[in-house]
Structure formats: C-alpha cells, structure tokens
Amino acid sequence: MMNVLLKSTSFKDKRILGILIFVAVSLIIARITPDALTYIIGLTYLFIILAVSWDIIVGYAGQINLGHTVFVGIGAYTTALLQVPSRFQGTFFEFLSEMPRIPIFASIFFGGIVAGIVGFLIGVITLRLRGWYFALVTAILPLVFIETTIIGSGVFGGEEGFSVGLERALAPTSLGKYYIALALMLVSVTTMFMIVNSRVGLKFKAVREDFYLAESVGINTVNYKVLAFVISSFFAGITGAAIVHYRSTVSPGLYDIPLMLLIILAAVIGGLGTILGPIVGGFIVYLTRYWWLKGAISAFTIAGLPINDDIILYMILIALAILAPEGLWVRVRRFVSET
C-alpha cells in the first residue's frame, strides 16, 4: 500500500512539474518561432479546448456526441453578429442592428453562454435517449445549422461567411493572439479539470460506468448528462467565438465535418476520460494536420504519388490507434508511474 501511495504521489509531482514546464516553454517558444508557426500553435491551443470539452460529455459522462461542432458554430456566429450587428438590417430582426458594440471578450463569453443555453435545450430533449440514438441525433445538428446559415445568407453570409474586421481581432499581432489563446486554454482546461475531479465529475463517471447502478443509488442520470452536455457546449461556444476573433472571419468552415473528425481523433488518440489525453492528442492531431504534413506532402508530390495530407494523417492515426488503443496519455502515465 505504501509503495502504491508513493508511486501515486510521485506521479502527481511529476505531473505538476510537467505542467509548469509546459507553461514555461509555451511562454518562451513564441519568441523563437516564425510568425506563421506561432499563429498555428495559437490555433492549436484553441483546438485543445474543443478536444477536452468533447471529452467531458464522451469520456466522462459516456454519451457519444457527434455534433460538438454545432456549438462551435453557435458561439462563432453569436460573437460575430454582436460585433457586426449591421448584418441584421433588412430582416425581421432589424431592431438588433442598432445594438451598441460590446467588448470583444464579453461577446466571446456571451457566445459560450448562448451555446450552453442551446446545449441545455437540446440536451433536455435528446439525452433521454440512450445508446446510439443520441449519437445519431447529434450527428444531424451540424447539417441543420449549416443549412440555416446558407438559407439565412443575408445575415450569416452563406457559405463564404463574413469578416468581423481586423480591428476586432484578439490582438493586432500573431504573438498577441498566441498569448491570449494560451491563457484561454489554461483557464478553460483548468476549469474543466476541476469539474471532473469534483463530486460532480465523480457522478459523471458513475453514469458512464453503470447507468442503472447510478440510478439505483439515487443519481438523477438525465440531469447529470444534461449538465455535462451544457458544460461541453459552453466551452465549445467560447472556443468558436475566440477562433472568430483569432481569424477575423466567420464561416461554416469553422464547424464542418472534418473538424468534428479531428476532435474525435484527438480525444481518442490521446485517451478518453483523462483531460490530459486530449491535450496530448490535440497537439499531435492539429500540428500534424496543419504543419508537420506540409513537408511530407512536398516529398510525396516530388515522387509523383497520388496522396494528400488527409490520407497521411489518417494512416498515422490508425497506426497510433493500433499501437496504443488506450490512448497515448494513459501509456505515458503508466510508464511514468512504473519508473
């Protein structure tokens, strides 16, 4: 028992040390990397929030959500319309076009609130379904939202979207955006980590592990599934809103099916139900997709092989899934605990 306790304590110490090293390296690395890479790493931090927030509902509460990106879109369009209310002119909601512009960070938070409210309404209706029925319902949500933005192109900008203006960016430079994205990731991930390690998180796990046993001991399973869904939706909405101000544009491409696939891969490859797993997976997946593969594609192009970055990415991730099906973070944690 003492050996187990010492190993557990040692691992916690190593984890805290690892987090401190990560923060220190993150603060320094932007100073020595090219501007383009700094920009991509900043977006990686925001993507990590999406992977971790998806893990809340899937890895901890055990509910398969295939429509997570719809809340990214809700948060994105909420903040964009708050910053450019003139988009409402000539519509039934024309009175909204006279709204005063609110501060950027307030509109980002409001984007998360709106996404959380929508998540609550959807969750109350759909989370009474069990198994793959809930997954199928959520899979339809992004398609419905995309069609809505196309039909209401006068307000939402259709397939091309619209710009919120460079003056409404998170910061005037890539370095400033990078640090804001890092701060947002640290605050968001820390908050979610505290939630899943609280009594609420313990009940999420109870619902995941044995639905009927959780009900038998007095846990209102529907309420806790809805709560997990709302928390997950809120952070997805905040991230979608932050991405708009990071890129200065909003469009359906922010919440398309490829993004959903990347989120799933990041969480699964990193390790579901671990928080730190999706962080590791998020770095691997996003940087592989938008940075590391660029050189590989050039090599394949020179060789004349008919292959693109998506094919290489999925081959790499399939290999990782076979070699480490429990997730990379679980394997790392096991290795560190044994040393």
Protein backbone atom coordinates (compact mmCIF):
# COMPACT_ATOMS: atom_id res chain seq x y z
CA MET A 1 0.00 0.00 0.00
CA MET A 2 2.81 2.40 0.89
CA ASN A 3 4.56 1.70 -2.40
CA VAL A 4 1.36 2.41 -4.30
CA LEU A 5 0.88 5.67 -2.39
CA LEU A 6 4.45 6.75 -3.06
CA LYS A 7 4.10 5.98 -6.73
CA SER A 8 0.83 7.94 -6.90
CA THR A 9 2.35 10.92 -5.12
CA SER A 10 5.43 10.77 -7.31
CA PHE A 11 3.29 10.79 -10.42
CA LYS A 12 1.31 13.80 -9.19
CA ASP A 13 4.53 15.67 -8.52
CA LYS A 14 5.81 14.80 -11.96
CA ARG A 15 2.52 15.91 -13.49
CA ILE A 16 2.68 19.30 -11.75
CA LEU A 17 6.29 19.68 -12.83
CA GLY A 18 5.31 18.78 -16.38
CA ILE A 19 2.56 21.41 -16.40
CA LEU A 20 4.94 24.08 -15.13
CA ILE A 21 7.49 23.15 -17.79
CA PHE A 22 4.78 23.25 -20.45
CA VAL A 23 3.67 26.74 -19.42
CA ALA A 24 7.26 27.99 -19.31
CA VAL A 25 8.08 26.54 -22.72
CA SER A 26 4.83 27.90 -24.17
CA LEU A 27 5.64 31.40 -22.96
CA ILE A 28 9.10 31.25 -24.49
CA ILE A 29 8.55 29.31 -27.70
CA ALA A 30 6.55 32.04 -29.44
CA ARG A 31 9.57 34.32 -29.16
CA ILE A 32 11.79 31.99 -31.16
CA THR A 33 9.42 30.53 -33.76
CA PRO A 34 8.45 32.05 -37.12
CA ASP A 35 5.32 34.18 -37.14
CA ALA A 36 3.37 31.67 -39.24
CA LEU A 37 4.15 28.82 -36.83
CA THR A 38 3.24 31.00 -33.85
CA TYR A 39 -0.14 31.60 -35.48
CA ILE A 40 -0.73 27.86 -35.98
CA ILE A 41 0.29 26.94 -32.41
CA GLY A 42 -2.14 29.56 -31.10
CA LEU A 43 -4.94 27.89 -33.05
CA THR A 44 -3.73 24.56 -31.65
CA TYR A 45 -4.35 25.84 -28.12
CA LEU A 46 -7.93 26.70 -29.08
CA PHE A 47 -8.39 23.31 -30.73
CA ILE A 48 -7.26 21.63 -27.50
CA ILE A 49 -10.18 23.27 -25.67
CA LEU A 50 -12.52 21.65 -28.20
CA ALA A 51 -10.96 18.22 -27.69
CA VAL A 52 -11.09 18.49 -23.89
CA SER A 53 -14.65 19.83 -23.86
CA TRP A 54 -15.77 16.93 -26.09
CA ASP A 55 -14.09 14.56 -23.63
CA ILE A 56 -16.34 15.91 -20.85
CA ILE A 57 -19.51 14.55 -22.42
CA VAL A 58 -17.99 11.46 -24.07
CA GLY A 59 -15.04 10.37 -21.95
CA TYR A 60 -16.52 11.26 -18.55
CA ALA A 61 -20.30 11.14 -18.97
CA GLY A 62 -20.19 8.36 -21.57
CA GLN A 63 -22.53 9.98 -24.13
CA ILE A 64 -21.46 9.82 -27.78
CA ASN A 65 -21.82 13.36 -29.16
CA LEU A 66 -21.19 13.65 -32.92
CA GLY A 67 -22.48 17.21 -33.17
CA HIS A 68 -19.97 19.04 -30.97
CA THR A 69 -19.01 21.43 -33.76
CA VAL A 70 -22.51 22.89 -33.93
CA PHE A 71 -21.79 24.65 -30.63
CA VAL A 72 -18.54 25.94 -32.07
CA GLY A 73 -20.65 27.48 -34.83
CA ILE A 74 -23.22 28.92 -32.43
CA GLY A 75 -20.53 30.63 -30.38
CA ALA A 76 -18.79 31.84 -33.53
CA TYR A 77 -21.84 33.43 -35.14
CA THR A 78 -23.05 34.85 -31.84
CA THR A 79 -19.89 36.87 -31.28
CA ALA A 80 -19.63 37.79 -34.98
CA LEU A 81 -23.15 39.20 -35.09
CA LEU A 82 -22.62 41.03 -31.81
CA GLN A 83 -19.59 42.71 -33.36
CA VAL A 84 -21.27 43.37 -36.73
CA PRO A 85 -24.96 43.94 -35.86
CA SER A 86 -25.49 45.70 -39.20
CA ARG A 87 -25.93 42.19 -40.67
CA PHE A 88 -29.49 42.28 -39.28
CA GLN A 89 -30.52 45.22 -41.47
CA GLY A 90 -33.44 44.43 -43.79
CA THR A 91 -34.57 41.42 -41.75
CA PHE A 92 -37.30 40.75 -39.22
CA PHE A 93 -34.67 41.36 -36.53
CA GLU A 94 -33.66 44.74 -37.92
CA PHE A 95 -34.04 46.32 -34.49
CA LEU A 96 -30.94 44.37 -33.45
CA SER A 97 -28.85 46.27 -35.99
CA GLU A 98 -28.90 49.26 -33.63
CA MET A 99 -27.25 47.34 -30.81
CA PRO A 100 -24.17 49.01 -29.37
CA ARG A 101 -20.98 47.06 -29.94
CA ILE A 102 -19.86 45.25 -26.81
CA PRO A 103 -16.23 44.46 -25.84
CA ILE A 104 -14.66 41.54 -27.68
CA PHE A 105 -14.09 39.36 -24.61
CA ALA A 106 -17.64 39.99 -23.40
CA SER A 107 -19.01 38.83 -26.76
CA ILE A 108 -16.78 35.72 -26.61
CA PHE A 109 -18.19 34.85 -23.19
CA PHE A 110 -21.71 35.56 -24.44
CA GLY A 111 -21.05 33.17 -27.34
CA GLY A 112 -20.34 30.47 -24.77
CA ILE A 113 -23.49 31.33 -22.83
CA VAL A 114 -25.68 31.08 -25.95
CA ALA A 115 -24.05 27.77 -26.90
CA GLY A 116 -24.64 26.49 -23.35
CA ILE A 117 -28.32 27.51 -23.46
CA VAL A 118 -28.81 25.77 -26.80
CA GLY A 119 -26.96 22.77 -25.40
CA PHE A 120 -29.33 22.70 -22.44
CA LEU A 121 -32.42 22.82 -24.68
CA ILE A 122 -31.08 20.08 -26.94
CA GLY A 123 -29.86 18.00 -24.00
CA VAL A 124 -33.19 18.10 -22.15
CA ILE A 125 -34.88 16.70 -25.25
CA THR A 126 -32.30 14.23 -26.55
CA LEU A 127 -30.41 12.93 -23.53
CA ARG A 128 -33.36 10.83 -22.50
CA LEU A 129 -32.38 8.71 -25.50
CA ARG A 130 -29.83 6.01 -24.87
CA GLY A 131 -27.02 4.43 -26.84
CA TRP A 132 -26.54 5.33 -30.47
CA TYR A 133 -29.89 7.11 -30.74
CA PHE A 134 -28.39 10.16 -29.05
CA ALA A 135 -25.31 9.95 -31.28
CA LEU A 136 -27.46 9.87 -34.42
CA VAL A 137 -29.49 12.89 -33.32
CA THR A 138 -26.39 14.94 -32.55
CA ALA A 139 -24.80 13.96 -35.87
CA ILE A 140 -27.63 15.77 -37.67
CA LEU A 141 -27.21 19.05 -35.76
CA PRO A 142 -24.24 20.47 -37.73
CA LEU A 143 -26.03 19.74 -41.01
CA VAL A 144 -29.12 21.60 -39.81
CA PHE A 145 -27.04 24.57 -38.68
CA ILE A 146 -25.10 24.70 -41.96
CA GLU A 147 -28.35 24.77 -43.91
CA THR A 148 -29.63 27.53 -41.63
CA THR A 149 -26.60 29.70 -42.31
CA ILE A 150 -26.96 29.15 -46.06
CA ILE A 151 -30.70 29.89 -46.12
CA GLY A 152 -30.16 32.99 -43.99
CA SER A 153 -27.19 34.13 -46.07
CA GLY A 154 -28.23 37.77 -45.73
CA VAL A 155 -27.40 37.60 -42.04
CA PHE A 156 -24.90 34.74 -41.83
CA GLY A 157 -23.05 35.32 -45.08
CA GLY A 158 -23.85 31.95 -46.64
CA GLU A 159 -21.03 29.55 -47.49
CA GLU A 160 -18.41 32.32 -47.60
CA GLY A 161 -19.36 33.84 -44.25
CA PHE A 162 -18.27 37.37 -43.46
CA SER A 163 -15.47 39.33 -41.82
CA VAL A 164 -15.69 40.93 -38.40
CA GLY A 165 -12.83 43.29 -39.30
CA LEU A 166 -9.17 43.29 -38.34
CA GLU A 167 -9.87 45.91 -35.69
CA ARG A 168 -11.91 43.30 -33.80
CA ALA A 169 -9.14 40.71 -33.70
CA LEU A 170 -7.99 39.23 -30.39
CA ALA A 171 -4.76 41.19 -30.81
CA PRO A 172 -3.07 43.14 -33.61
CA THR A 173 -0.18 40.65 -33.89
CA SER A 174 0.17 36.87 -34.09
CA LEU A 175 2.21 36.95 -30.89
CA GLY A 176 -0.56 38.74 -29.03
CA LYS A 177 -3.16 36.28 -30.34
CA TYR A 178 -0.90 33.41 -29.32
CA TYR A 179 -0.65 34.54 -25.70
CA ILE A 180 -4.40 35.17 -25.45
CA ALA A 181 -5.14 31.73 -26.89
CA LEU A 182 -2.69 30.18 -24.42
CA ALA A 183 -4.32 32.00 -21.49
CA LEU A 184 -7.80 30.96 -22.64
CA MET A 185 -6.70 27.34 -22.95
CA LEU A 186 -5.11 27.31 -19.48
CA VAL A 187 -8.19 28.84 -17.84
CA SER A 188 -10.64 26.60 -19.73
CA VAL A 189 -8.75 23.34 -19.26
CA THR A 190 -8.07 24.09 -15.57
CA THR A 191 -11.77 24.78 -15.01
CA MET A 192 -12.80 21.54 -16.72
CA PHE A 193 -10.11 19.63 -14.81
CA MET A 194 -11.50 20.93 -11.52
CA ILE A 195 -15.05 19.97 -12.55
CA VAL A 196 -14.22 16.37 -13.46
CA ASN A 197 -12.22 15.94 -10.24
CA SER A 198 -15.08 17.21 -8.07
CA ARG A 199 -18.14 15.38 -6.77
CA VAL A 200 -19.91 16.37 -9.99
CA GLY A 201 -17.21 14.67 -12.04
CA LEU A 202 -17.50 11.56 -9.87
CA LYS A 203 -21.20 11.36 -10.74
CA PHE A 204 -20.40 11.82 -14.43
CA LYS A 205 -18.17 8.75 -14.17
CA ALA A 206 -20.87 6.83 -12.32
CA VAL A 207 -23.31 7.49 -15.15
CA ARG A 208 -20.67 6.39 -17.66
CA GLU A 209 -19.69 3.20 -15.86
CA ASP A 210 -23.13 1.82 -14.99
CA PHE A 211 -26.26 3.76 -15.89
CA TYR A 212 -28.65 1.53 -13.95
CA LEU A 213 -26.46 1.27 -10.84
CA ALA A 214 -26.13 5.07 -10.78
CA GLU A 215 -29.93 5.41 -10.85
CA SER A 216 -30.32 2.80 -8.14
CA VAL A 217 -28.16 4.81 -5.71
CA GLY A 218 -30.19 7.98 -6.27
CA ILE A 219 -28.25 9.79 -9.00
CA ASN A 220 -30.51 11.62 -11.43
CA THR A 221 -28.72 10.38 -14.53
CA VAL A 222 -30.58 12.60 -17.00
CA ASN A 223 -29.75 15.75 -15.03
CA TYR A 224 -26.05 14.92 -14.88
CA LYS A 225 -25.92 14.01 -18.55
CA VAL A 226 -27.54 17.35 -19.37
CA LEU A 227 -25.10 19.16 -17.07
CA ALA A 228 -22.12 17.50 -18.79
CA PHE A 229 -23.61 18.43 -22.17
CA VAL A 230 -24.07 22.06 -21.15
CA ILE A 231 -20.50 22.34 -19.82
CA SER A 232 -19.16 20.78 -23.00
CA SER A 233 -21.31 23.08 -25.18
CA PHE A 234 -20.31 26.20 -23.25
CA PHE A 235 -16.59 25.68 -23.77
CA ALA A 236 -17.13 24.75 -27.41
CA GLY A 237 -19.05 28.02 -27.86
CA ILE A 238 -16.32 30.07 -26.19
CA THR A 239 -13.73 28.44 -28.43
CA GLY A 240 -15.74 29.08 -31.59
CA ALA A 241 -16.11 32.73 -30.61
CA ALA A 242 -12.38 33.04 -29.86
CA ILE A 243 -11.49 31.49 -33.23
CA VAL A 244 -13.58 34.15 -35.00
CA HIS A 245 -11.58 36.92 -33.36
CA TYR A 246 -8.36 35.00 -33.93
CA ARG A 247 -9.05 34.69 -37.68
CA SER A 248 -11.23 37.83 -38.02
CA THR A 249 -13.75 35.88 -40.13
CA VAL A 250 -16.66 33.53 -39.57
CA SER A 251 -17.96 30.88 -41.96
CA PRO A 252 -19.46 27.35 -41.95
CA GLY A 253 -15.89 26.04 -42.33
CA LEU A 254 -15.42 26.69 -38.61
CA TYR A 255 -17.68 23.79 -37.66
CA ASP A 256 -17.62 21.41 -40.62
CA ILE A 257 -17.42 17.60 -40.51
CA PRO A 258 -13.58 17.44 -40.88
CA LEU A 259 -13.26 19.47 -37.67
CA MET A 260 -15.52 17.01 -35.85
CA LEU A 261 -13.36 14.16 -37.07
CA LEU A 262 -10.19 15.89 -35.86
CA ILE A 263 -11.75 16.43 -32.42
CA ILE A 264 -12.71 12.77 -32.14
CA LEU A 265 -9.29 11.62 -33.26
CA ALA A 266 -7.50 13.97 -30.84
CA ALA A 267 -9.52 12.76 -27.84
CA VAL A 268 -9.40 9.07 -28.75
CA ILE A 269 -5.70 9.01 -29.66
CA GLY A 270 -4.80 10.96 -26.51
CA GLY A 271 -7.03 8.88 -24.26
CA LEU A 272 -10.69 9.38 -23.35
CA GLY A 273 -11.67 10.33 -19.82
CA THR A 274 -8.27 11.76 -18.90
CA ILE A 275 -8.34 15.54 -19.72
CA LEU A 276 -4.58 15.47 -20.29
CA GLY A 277 -5.03 12.85 -23.02
CA PRO A 278 -6.97 15.18 -25.35
CA ILE A 279 -4.30 17.84 -24.72
CA VAL A 280 -1.60 15.48 -25.99
CA GLY A 281 -3.85 14.26 -28.80
CA GLY A 282 -4.79 17.82 -29.70
CA PHE A 283 -1.17 18.81 -30.21
CA ILE A 284 -0.43 15.72 -32.28
CA VAL A 285 -3.51 15.89 -34.49
CA TYR A 286 -3.70 19.63 -35.13
CA LEU A 287 0.01 20.22 -35.67
CA THR A 288 0.22 17.10 -37.82
CA ARG A 289 -2.68 18.28 -39.94
CA TYR A 290 -1.64 21.90 -40.37
CA TRP A 291 2.15 21.87 -40.02
CA TRP A 292 4.08 18.60 -39.96
CA LEU A 293 2.37 17.15 -43.04
CA LYS A 294 3.34 20.08 -45.26
CA GLY A 295 6.87 18.74 -45.72
CA ALA A 296 5.64 15.20 -46.19
CA ILE A 297 3.21 16.28 -48.91
CA SER A 298 6.03 18.02 -50.77
CA ALA A 299 8.07 14.81 -50.70
CA PHE A 300 5.18 12.71 -52.00
CA THR A 301 4.43 15.30 -54.68
CA ILE A 302 8.02 15.19 -55.92
CA ALA A 303 7.83 11.39 -56.02
CA GLY A 304 4.64 11.64 -58.08
CA LEU A 305 2.49 9.66 -55.65
CA PRO A 306 -1.29 10.43 -55.61
CA ILE A 307 -1.65 11.21 -51.90
CA ASN A 308 -2.71 14.20 -49.82
CA ASP A 309 -2.31 15.33 -46.23
CA ASP A 310 -5.61 13.82 -45.07
CA ILE A 311 -4.57 10.33 -46.24
CA ILE A 312 -1.23 10.58 -44.44
CA LEU A 313 -2.88 11.91 -41.28
CA TYR A 314 -5.41 9.10 -41.12
CA MET A 315 -2.71 6.48 -41.77
CA ILE A 316 -0.64 7.85 -38.88
CA LEU A 317 -3.63 7.98 -36.54
CA ILE A 318 -4.75 4.46 -37.46
CA ALA A 319 -1.24 3.24 -36.63
CA LEU A 320 -1.34 5.04 -33.26
CA ALA A 321 -4.79 3.58 -32.53
CA ILE A 322 -3.46 0.08 -33.16
CA LEU A 323 -0.23 0.54 -31.19
CA ALA A 324 -1.80 2.45 -28.26
CA PRO A 325 -5.57 1.74 -28.23
CA GLU A 326 -5.92 3.01 -24.65
CA GLY A 327 -4.54 6.40 -25.66
CA LEU A 328 -1.07 7.91 -25.59
CA TRP A 329 -1.51 9.70 -22.27
CA VAL A 330 -2.59 6.51 -20.49
CA ARG A 331 0.53 4.80 -21.80
CA VAL A 332 2.77 7.70 -20.74
CA ARG A 333 1.17 7.79 -17.28
CA ARG A 334 1.70 4.06 -16.86
CA PHE A 335 5.35 4.38 -17.88
CA VAL A 336 5.98 7.32 -15.52
CA SER A 337 4.27 5.52 -12.61
CA GLU A 338 6.49 2.49 -13.10
CA THR A 339 9.73 4.49 -13.12
